[in-house]
Amino acid sequence: MPPDLEQRAFAVVIPVYNHEGRVREVASAAAGLGMPVIVVDDGSTDGSYEAVRDLPGIEILRHPKNQGKGAALLTGFARAAGFARWAVTLDADGQHDPAEIPGMIQTLGPGERAIVVGAREGMDGVHVPWTSRFGRKFSNFWVWIAGGPRMADSQSGFRVYPLPETLHLDVAARRFQYEVEVLVKARWKGIRVREVPVTVSYHPGMPRISHFRPFIDFMRNSRTFSRLILRRIFVPKTIRGKRPPTP
């Protein structure tokens, strides 16, 4: 394995907001891969922190109040950048299988500094919330219109990010919209975005908490995409495409 793809080059970042029922299982499975795991508690008001605080090998960072998923990811990235060259992200609700992380990493070629997105398979199943199905199609289209890559699953939170390139993309969004804006700005700056198929678990008997609010988040998404499209139109590509530093 190339040196930049060795396990010590990676850290797992798990943003958490009120997922006490699943976060311990997710964090424990991730820790079993032998990589550092950073759990970012984004102002949870339930027992999320207590659920993981005694797990060995888990570093926990806490926001005193909820700031949004993007803010939690950035907090985790900033910490991970101190000792790792890559960050692997997955949600704390149990929909992603940490055992698939090595396979995602292995898709990267020697020296390649790309964002890898886990495209969730089976998203048309009857157990998948309609908000997830609609949100993915809406987001895929507007990511492309804004100058981002053509995506099958632009809303997947199961990803591999190169650091520090991602931290220098100047992404403005701090909530769910962070994950779509980072794809657009990566494409602007010539950072490759690739997708690999991953499984997803949406079972009726599995407790799952989603903080997606259809109307509010639709409006936030619309503002984010409007801002990106206007910037694409009015800001010269030579300025937008200035590439972030590579380690």
C-alpha atoms as a PDB file:
ATOM      1  CA  MET A   1       0.000   0.000   0.000  1.00  0.00           C
ATOM      2  CA  PRO A   2       1.390   3.465  -0.885  1.00  0.00           C
ATOM      3  CA  PRO A   3       2.582   5.418   2.158  1.00  0.00           C
ATOM      4  CA  ASP A   4      -0.169   8.055   1.830  1.00  0.00           C
ATOM      5  CA  LEU A   5      -2.812   5.305   1.991  1.00  0.00           C
ATOM      6  CA  GLU A   6      -1.522   3.564   5.089  1.00  0.00           C
ATOM      7  CA  GLN A   7      -3.905   3.394   8.029  1.00  0.00           C
ATOM      8  CA  ARG A   8      -1.991   5.954  10.041  1.00  0.00           C
ATOM      9  CA  ALA A   9      -2.676   8.547   7.331  1.00  0.00           C
ATOM     10  CA  PHE A  10      -6.425   8.359   8.007  1.00  0.00           C
ATOM     11  CA  ALA A  11      -8.737   9.480  10.773  1.00  0.00           C
ATOM     12  CA  VAL A  12     -12.453   8.705  11.029  1.00  0.00           C
ATOM     13  CA  VAL A  13     -14.683  11.690  11.814  1.00  0.00           C
ATOM     14  CA  ILE A  14     -18.228  11.047  13.053  1.00  0.00           C
ATOM     15  CA  PRO A  15     -20.517  14.087  13.509  1.00  0.00           C
ATOM     16  CA  VAL A  16     -23.214  13.473  16.109  1.00  0.00           C
ATOM     17  CA  TYR A  17     -26.386  15.283  17.037  1.00  0.00           C
ATOM     18  CA  ASN A  18     -28.832  13.383  19.249  1.00  0.00           C
ATOM     19  CA  HIS A  19     -27.955   9.867  18.098  1.00  0.00           C
ATOM     20  CA  GLU A  20     -27.522   8.181  21.455  1.00  0.00           C
ATOM     21  CA  GLY A  21     -29.184   4.999  20.209  1.00  0.00           C
ATOM     22  CA  ARG A  22     -26.667   4.301  17.442  1.00  0.00           C
ATOM     23  CA  VAL A  23     -23.474   6.312  17.917  1.00  0.00           C
ATOM     24  CA  ARG A  24     -21.765   3.848  20.258  1.00  0.00           C
ATOM     25  CA  GLU A  25     -22.184   0.982  17.802  1.00  0.00           C
ATOM     26  CA  VAL A  26     -20.956   3.097  14.877  1.00  0.00           C
ATOM     27  CA  ALA A  27     -17.951   4.528  16.733  1.00  0.00           C
ATOM     28  CA  SER A  28     -16.964   1.150  18.157  1.00  0.00           C
ATOM     29  CA  ALA A  29     -17.069  -0.505  14.731  1.00  0.00           C
ATOM     30  CA  ALA A  30     -14.977   2.310  13.243  1.00  0.00           C
ATOM     31  CA  ALA A  31     -12.415   2.044  16.042  1.00  0.00           C
ATOM     32  CA  GLY A  32     -12.081  -1.650  15.305  1.00  0.00           C
ATOM     33  CA  LEU A  33     -10.459  -0.777  11.982  1.00  0.00           C
ATOM     34  CA  GLY A  34      -7.341   0.480  13.760  1.00  0.00           C
ATOM     35  CA  MET A  35      -7.689   4.122  12.743  1.00  0.00           C
ATOM     36  CA  PRO A  36      -8.065   7.122  15.073  1.00  0.00           C
ATOM     37  CA  VAL A  37     -11.732   7.985  15.585  1.00  0.00           C
ATOM     38  CA  ILE A  38     -12.939  11.508  16.330  1.00  0.00           C
ATOM     39  CA  VAL A  39     -16.539  11.897  17.450  1.00  0.00           C
ATOM     40  CA  VAL A  40     -17.816  15.481  17.265  1.00  0.00           C
ATOM     41  CA  ASP A  41     -20.846  16.018  19.487  1.00  0.00           C
ATOM     42  CA  ASP A  42     -22.622  18.981  17.916  1.00  0.00           C
ATOM     43  CA  GLY A  43     -24.492  20.195  20.988  1.00  0.00           C
ATOM     44  CA  SER A  44     -26.544  17.047  21.577  1.00  0.00           C
ATOM     45  CA  THR A  45     -29.317  17.312  24.155  1.00  0.00           C
ATOM     46  CA  ASP A  46     -29.712  13.559  24.655  1.00  0.00           C
ATOM     47  CA  GLY A  47     -27.232  10.972  25.914  1.00  0.00           C
ATOM     48  CA  SER A  48     -24.985  10.887  22.836  1.00  0.00           C
ATOM     49  CA  TYR A  49     -21.897  12.008  24.746  1.00  0.00           C
ATOM     50  CA  GLU A  50     -22.487   9.557  27.582  1.00  0.00           C
ATOM     51  CA  ALA A  51     -22.951   6.754  25.044  1.00  0.00           C
ATOM     52  CA  VAL A  52     -19.370   7.041  23.766  1.00  0.00           C
ATOM     53  CA  ARG A  53     -17.338   8.736  26.473  1.00  0.00           C
ATOM     54  CA  ASP A  54     -15.994   5.464  27.884  1.00  0.00           C
ATOM     55  CA  LEU A  55     -15.051   3.899  24.536  1.00  0.00           C
ATOM     56  CA  PRO A  56     -11.286   3.295  24.389  1.00  0.00           C
ATOM     57  CA  GLY A  57      -9.398   4.991  21.588  1.00  0.00           C
ATOM     58  CA  ILE A  58     -12.187   7.457  20.807  1.00  0.00           C
ATOM     59  CA  GLU A  59     -11.488  11.189  20.931  1.00  0.00           C
ATOM     60  CA  ILE A  60     -14.584  13.265  21.645  1.00  0.00           C
ATOM     61  CA  LEU A  61     -14.920  16.928  20.740  1.00  0.00           C
ATOM     62  CA  ARG A  62     -17.989  18.879  21.833  1.00  0.00           C
ATOM     63  CA  HIS A  63     -19.804  21.985  20.648  1.00  0.00           C
ATOM     64  CA  PRO A  64     -21.597  23.705  23.533  1.00  0.00           C
ATOM     65  CA  LYS A  65     -24.609  24.247  21.261  1.00  0.00           C
ATOM     66  CA  ASN A  66     -25.727  22.923  17.898  1.00  0.00           C
ATOM     67  CA  GLN A  67     -23.885  24.593  15.017  1.00  0.00           C
ATOM     68  CA  GLY A  68     -24.739  22.269  12.139  1.00  0.00           C
ATOM     69  CA  LYS A  69     -23.294  19.198  10.471  1.00  0.00           C
ATOM     70  CA  GLY A  70     -20.839  21.203   8.376  1.00  0.00           C
ATOM     71  CA  ALA A  71     -19.486  22.931  11.466  1.00  0.00           C
ATOM     72  CA  ALA A  72     -19.073  19.557  13.195  1.00  0.00           C
ATOM     73  CA  LEU A  73     -17.211  18.151  10.196  1.00  0.00           C
ATOM     74  CA  LEU A  74     -14.894  21.147  10.086  1.00  0.00           C
ATOM     75  CA  THR A  75     -14.130  20.781  13.793  1.00  0.00           C
ATOM     76  CA  GLY A  76     -13.236  17.141  13.199  1.00  0.00           C
ATOM     77  CA  PHE A  77     -11.192  17.947  10.097  1.00  0.00           C
ATOM     78  CA  ALA A  78      -9.183  20.613  11.905  1.00  0.00           C
ATOM     79  CA  ARG A  79      -8.310  18.145  14.653  1.00  0.00           C
ATOM     80  CA  ALA A  80      -7.552  15.306  12.218  1.00  0.00           C
ATOM     81  CA  ALA A  81      -5.299  17.525  10.093  1.00  0.00           C
ATOM     82  CA  GLY A  82      -2.867  17.693  13.002  1.00  0.00           C
ATOM     83  CA  PHE A  83      -1.843  14.072  12.526  1.00  0.00           C
ATOM     84  CA  ALA A  84      -3.558  12.648   9.402  1.00  0.00           C
ATOM     85  CA  ARG A  85      -3.647  13.401   5.683  1.00  0.00           C
ATOM     86  CA  TRP A  86      -7.165  12.087   5.119  1.00  0.00           C
ATOM     87  CA  ALA A  87     -10.506  12.128   6.926  1.00  0.00           C
ATOM     88  CA  VAL A  88     -13.167   9.464   6.507  1.00  0.00           C
ATOM     89  CA  THR A  89     -16.658  10.613   7.457  1.00  0.00           C
ATOM     90  CA  LEU A  90     -19.786   8.621   8.199  1.00  0.00           C
ATOM     91  CA  ASP A  91     -23.073   9.405   9.876  1.00  0.00           C
ATOM     92  CA  ALA A  92     -23.879   8.371  13.424  1.00  0.00           C
ATOM     93  CA  ASP A  93     -27.369   7.053  12.642  1.00  0.00           C
ATOM     94  CA  GLY A  94     -26.231   3.584  11.617  1.00  0.00           C
ATOM     95  CA  GLN A  95     -27.066   3.795   7.916  1.00  0.00           C
ATOM     96  CA  HIS A  96     -23.402   3.306   6.909  1.00  0.00           C
ATOM     97  CA  ASP A  97     -21.288   0.214   7.525  1.00  0.00           C
ATOM     98  CA  PRO A  98     -17.802   1.120   8.826  1.00  0.00           C
ATOM     99  CA  ALA A  99     -16.525  -2.205   7.468  1.00  0.00           C
ATOM    100  CA  GLU A 100     -16.722  -0.658   3.981  1.00  0.00           C
ATOM    101  CA  ILE A 101     -14.163   2.053   4.812  1.00  0.00           C
ATOM    102  CA  PRO A 102     -11.090   0.046   3.685  1.00  0.00           C
ATOM    103  CA  GLY A 103     -12.707  -0.641   0.321  1.00  0.00           C
ATOM    104  CA  MET A 104     -13.371   3.062  -0.215  1.00  0.00           C
ATOM    105  CA  ILE A 105      -9.766   3.899   0.628  1.00  0.00           C
ATOM    106  CA  GLN A 106      -8.439   1.250  -1.749  1.00  0.00           C
ATOM    107  CA  THR A 107     -10.126   2.969  -4.707  1.00  0.00           C
ATOM    108  CA  LEU A 108      -7.568   5.785  -4.433  1.00  0.00           C
ATOM    109  CA  GLY A 109      -4.553   5.456  -6.677  1.00  0.00           C
ATOM    110  CA  PRO A 110      -0.946   6.200  -5.608  1.00  0.00           C
ATOM    111  CA  GLY A 111      -0.572   9.926  -5.037  1.00  0.00           C
ATOM    112  CA  GLU A 112      -4.195  10.641  -5.903  1.00  0.00           C
ATOM    113  CA  ARG A 113      -5.800  13.412  -3.835  1.00  0.00           C
ATOM    114  CA  ALA A 114      -9.494  12.913  -4.605  1.00  0.00           C
ATOM    115  CA  ILE A 115     -12.741  13.049  -2.653  1.00  0.00           C
ATOM    116  CA  VAL A 116     -14.404   9.639  -2.552  1.00  0.00           C
ATOM    117  CA  VAL A 117     -18.172   9.558  -2.025  1.00  0.00           C
ATOM    118  CA  GLY A 118     -20.015   6.392  -1.077  1.00  0.00           C
ATOM    119  CA  ALA A 119     -22.994   6.212  -3.430  1.00  0.00           C
ATOM    120  CA  ARG A 120     -25.716   4.454  -1.460  1.00  0.00           C
ATOM    121  CA  GLU A 121     -27.325   1.524  -3.253  1.00  0.00           C
ATOM    122  CA  GLY A 122     -30.955   0.589  -2.763  1.00  0.00           C
ATOM    123  CA  MET A 123     -32.167   4.140  -2.185  1.00  0.00           C
ATOM    124  CA  ASP A 124     -35.415   3.361  -4.039  1.00  0.00           C
ATOM    125  CA  GLY A 125     -36.448   0.806  -1.437  1.00  0.00           C
ATOM    126  CA  VAL A 126     -39.779   1.090   0.353  1.00  0.00           C
ATOM    127  CA  HIS A 127     -38.075   1.650   3.711  1.00  0.00           C
ATOM    128  CA  VAL A 128     -36.088   4.668   2.518  1.00  0.00           C
ATOM    129  CA  PRO A 129     -37.689   7.955   3.688  1.00  0.00           C
ATOM    130  CA  TRP A 130     -39.180   9.988   0.829  1.00  0.00           C
ATOM    131  CA  THR A 131     -37.212  13.006   2.013  1.00  0.00           C
ATOM    132  CA  SER A 132     -33.982  11.108   1.364  1.00  0.00           C
ATOM    133  CA  ARG A 133     -35.051  10.045  -2.130  1.00  0.00           C
ATOM    134  CA  PHE A 134     -36.295  13.506  -3.127  1.00  0.00           C
ATOM    135  CA  GLY A 135     -33.389  15.321  -1.512  1.00  0.00           C
ATOM    136  CA  ARG A 136     -30.837  13.234  -3.350  1.00  0.00           C
ATOM    137  CA  LYS A 137     -32.372  13.843  -6.788  1.00  0.00           C
ATOM    138  CA  PHE A 138     -32.811  17.565  -6.091  1.00  0.00           C
ATOM    139  CA  SER A 139     -29.244  17.892  -4.872  1.00  0.00           C
ATOM    140  CA  ASN A 140     -27.690  15.855  -7.701  1.00  0.00           C
ATOM    141  CA  PHE A 141     -29.227  18.128 -10.323  1.00  0.00           C
ATOM    142  CA  TRP A 142     -28.264  21.418  -8.712  1.00  0.00           C
ATOM    143  CA  VAL A 143     -24.731  20.304  -7.859  1.00  0.00           C
ATOM    144  CA  TRP A 144     -24.222  19.766 -11.585  1.00  0.00           C
ATOM    145  CA  ILE A 145     -25.886  23.072 -12.554  1.00  0.00           C
ATOM    146  CA  ALA A 146     -23.621  24.906 -10.093  1.00  0.00           C
ATOM    147  CA  GLY A 147     -20.558  23.532 -11.855  1.00  0.00           C
ATOM    148  CA  GLY A 148     -19.985  20.490  -9.694  1.00  0.00           C
ATOM    149  CA  PRO A 149     -19.575  16.882 -10.809  1.00  0.00           C
ATOM    150  CA  ARG A 150     -22.365  14.670 -12.081  1.00  0.00           C
ATOM    151  CA  MET A 151     -23.277  12.596  -9.048  1.00  0.00           C
ATOM    152  CA  ALA A 152     -25.436   9.600  -8.252  1.00  0.00           C
ATOM    153  CA  ASP A 153     -25.527  10.483  -4.538  1.00  0.00           C
ATOM    154  CA  SER A 154     -24.384  13.996  -3.705  1.00  0.00           C
ATOM    155  CA  GLN A 155     -25.974  13.808  -0.242  1.00  0.00           C
ATOM    156  CA  SER A 156     -24.144  10.768   1.055  1.00  0.00           C
ATOM    157  CA  GLY A 157     -22.248  11.481   4.251  1.00  0.00           C
ATOM    158  CA  PHE A 158     -20.009   8.437   3.806  1.00  0.00           C
ATOM    159  CA  ARG A 159     -16.877   9.972   2.284  1.00  0.00           C
ATOM    160  CA  VAL A 160     -13.091  10.150   2.159  1.00  0.00           C
ATOM    161  CA  TYR A 161     -11.655  13.690   2.138  1.00  0.00           C
ATOM    162  CA  PRO A 162      -8.060  14.753   1.440  1.00  0.00           C
ATOM    163  CA  LEU A 163      -6.665  17.094   4.060  1.00  0.00           C
ATOM    164  CA  PRO A 164      -5.694  19.936   4.018  1.00  0.00           C
ATOM    165  CA  GLU A 165      -7.125  20.543   0.528  1.00  0.00           C
ATOM    166  CA  THR A 166     -10.679  20.283   1.825  1.00  0.00           C
ATOM    167  CA  LEU A 167     -10.028  22.782   4.599  1.00  0.00           C
ATOM    168  CA  HIS A 168      -8.856  25.311   1.989  1.00  0.00           C
ATOM    169  CA  LEU A 169     -11.952  25.129  -0.231  1.00  0.00           C
ATOM    170  CA  ASP A 170     -13.516  28.139   1.506  1.00  0.00           C
ATOM    171  CA  VAL A 171     -16.889  26.443   1.963  1.00  0.00           C
ATOM    172  CA  ALA A 172     -19.386  28.876   3.495  1.00  0.00           C
ATOM    173  CA  ALA A 173     -22.204  26.496   4.515  1.00  0.00           C
ATOM    174  CA  ARG A 174     -22.147  25.116   8.044  1.00  0.00           C
ATOM    175  CA  ARG A 175     -25.163  22.813   8.086  1.00  0.00           C
ATOM    176  CA  PHE A 176     -26.249  19.980   5.774  1.00  0.00           C
ATOM    177  CA  GLN A 177     -25.413  22.162   2.793  1.00  0.00           C
ATOM    178  CA  TYR A 178     -21.705  21.862   3.546  1.00  0.00           C
ATOM    179  CA  GLU A 179     -21.598  18.435   1.923  1.00  0.00           C
ATOM    180  CA  VAL A 180     -22.952  19.640  -1.414  1.00  0.00           C
ATOM    181  CA  GLU A 181     -21.001  22.896  -1.492  1.00  0.00           C
ATOM    182  CA  VAL A 182     -17.719  21.075  -0.919  1.00  0.00           C
ATOM    183  CA  LEU A 183     -18.383  18.947  -4.033  1.00  0.00           C
ATOM    184  CA  VAL A 184     -19.017  21.995  -6.210  1.00  0.00           C
ATOM    185  CA  LYS A 185     -15.968  23.884  -5.009  1.00  0.00           C
ATOM    186  CA  ALA A 186     -13.752  20.806  -5.323  1.00  0.00           C
ATOM    187  CA  ARG A 187     -14.758  20.513  -8.988  1.00  0.00           C
ATOM    188  CA  TRP A 188     -14.120  24.228  -9.542  1.00  0.00           C
ATOM    189  CA  LYS A 189     -10.597  23.780  -8.243  1.00  0.00           C
ATOM    190  CA  GLY A 190      -9.784  20.638 -10.180  1.00  0.00           C
ATOM    191  CA  ILE A 191     -10.009  18.191  -7.279  1.00  0.00           C
ATOM    192  CA  ARG A 192     -11.441  14.941  -8.565  1.00  0.00           C
ATOM    193  CA  VAL A 193     -14.650  13.618  -7.014  1.00  0.00           C
ATOM    194  CA  ARG A 194     -15.283   9.928  -7.498  1.00  0.00           C
ATOM    195  CA  GLU A 195     -18.089   7.661  -6.335  1.00  0.00           C
ATOM    196  CA  VAL A 196     -18.021   4.046  -5.196  1.00  0.00           C
ATOM    197  CA  PRO A 197     -21.098   1.966  -4.377  1.00  0.00           C
ATOM    198  CA  VAL A 198     -21.827   1.316  -0.704  1.00  0.00           C
ATOM    199  CA  THR A 199     -24.655  -0.365   1.136  1.00  0.00           C
ATOM    200  CA  VAL A 200     -27.188   1.523   3.229  1.00  0.00           C
ATOM    201  CA  SER A 201     -29.413   0.351   6.081  1.00  0.00           C
ATOM    202  CA  TYR A 202     -32.927   1.745   6.309  1.00  0.00           C
ATOM    203  CA  HIS A 203     -34.947  -0.850   8.174  1.00  0.00           C
ATOM    204  CA  PRO A 204     -38.376  -0.216   9.738  1.00  0.00           C
ATOM    205  CA  GLY A 205     -37.295  -1.783  13.009  1.00  0.00           C
ATOM    206  CA  MET A 206     -34.038   0.139  13.252  1.00  0.00           C
ATOM    207  CA  PRO A 207     -34.221   3.303  15.338  1.00  0.00           C
ATOM    208  CA  ARG A 208     -33.084   6.199  13.167  1.00  0.00           C
ATOM    209  CA  ILE A 209     -33.207   9.921  13.837  1.00  0.00           C
ATOM    210  CA  SER A 210     -33.057  12.338  10.940  1.00  0.00           C
ATOM    211  CA  HIS A 211     -32.655  16.066  11.513  1.00  0.00           C
ATOM    212  CA  PHE A 212     -33.575  16.941   7.941  1.00  0.00           C
ATOM    213  CA  ARG A 213     -36.481  19.418   7.931  1.00  0.00           C
ATOM    214  CA  PRO A 214     -38.023  19.448   4.453  1.00  0.00           C
ATOM    215  CA  PHE A 215     -39.111  23.098   4.191  1.00  0.00           C
ATOM    216  CA  ILE A 216     -36.298  24.763   6.149  1.00  0.00           C
ATOM    217  CA  ASP A 217     -33.569  22.687   4.567  1.00  0.00           C
ATOM    218  CA  PHE A 218     -35.084  23.053   1.107  1.00  0.00           C
ATOM    219  CA  MET A 219     -34.852  26.830   1.522  1.00  0.00           C
ATOM    220  CA  ARG A 220     -31.282  26.576   2.823  1.00  0.00           C
ATOM    221  CA  ASN A 221     -30.327  24.331  -0.083  1.00  0.00           C
ATOM    222  CA  SER A 222     -31.902  26.785  -2.520  1.00  0.00           C
ATOM    223  CA  ARG A 223     -29.914  29.691  -1.067  1.00  0.00           C
ATOM    224  CA  THR A 224     -26.686  27.703  -1.208  1.00  0.00           C
ATOM    225  CA  PHE A 225     -27.181  26.666  -4.822  1.00  0.00           C
ATOM    226  CA  SER A 226     -28.255  30.183  -5.848  1.00  0.00           C
ATOM    227  CA  ARG A 227     -25.071  31.588  -4.309  1.00  0.00           C
ATOM    228  CA  LEU A 228     -22.910  28.997  -6.071  1.00  0.00           C
ATOM    229  CA  ILE A 229     -24.595  29.466  -9.448  1.00  0.00           C
ATOM    230  CA  LEU A 230     -24.248  33.250  -9.280  1.00  0.00           C
ATOM    231  CA  ARG A 231     -20.590  32.881  -8.344  1.00  0.00           C
ATOM    232  CA  ARG A 232     -20.068  30.501 -11.243  1.00  0.00           C
ATOM    233  CA  ILE A 233     -21.624  33.024 -13.636  1.00  0.00           C
ATOM    234  CA  PHE A 234     -19.967  36.207 -12.414  1.00  0.00           C
ATOM    235  CA  VAL A 235     -16.583  35.129 -11.002  1.00  0.00           C
ATOM    236  CA  PRO A 236     -13.955  34.243 -13.618  1.00  0.00           C
ATOM    237  CA  LYS A 237     -12.890  30.628 -13.669  1.00  0.00           C
ATOM    238  CA  THR A 238      -9.258  31.660 -13.168  1.00  0.00           C
ATOM    239  CA  ILE A 239     -10.238  33.025  -9.756  1.00  0.00           C
ATOM    240  CA  ARG A 240     -12.704  30.298  -8.779  1.00  0.00           C
ATOM    241  CA  GLY A 241     -10.332  27.588  -9.912  1.00  0.00           C
ATOM    242  CA  LYS A 242      -7.302  28.601  -7.865  1.00  0.00           C
ATOM    243  CA  ARG A 243      -6.243  25.258  -6.430  1.00  0.00           C
ATOM    244  CA  PRO A 244      -5.790  24.841  -2.661  1.00  0.00           C
ATOM    245  CA  PRO A 245      -2.383  23.807  -1.336  1.00  0.00           C
ATOM    246  CA  THR A 246      -1.291  20.195  -1.583  1.00  0.00           C
ATOM    247  CA  PRO A 247       0.864  18.734   1.190  1.00  0.00           C
END
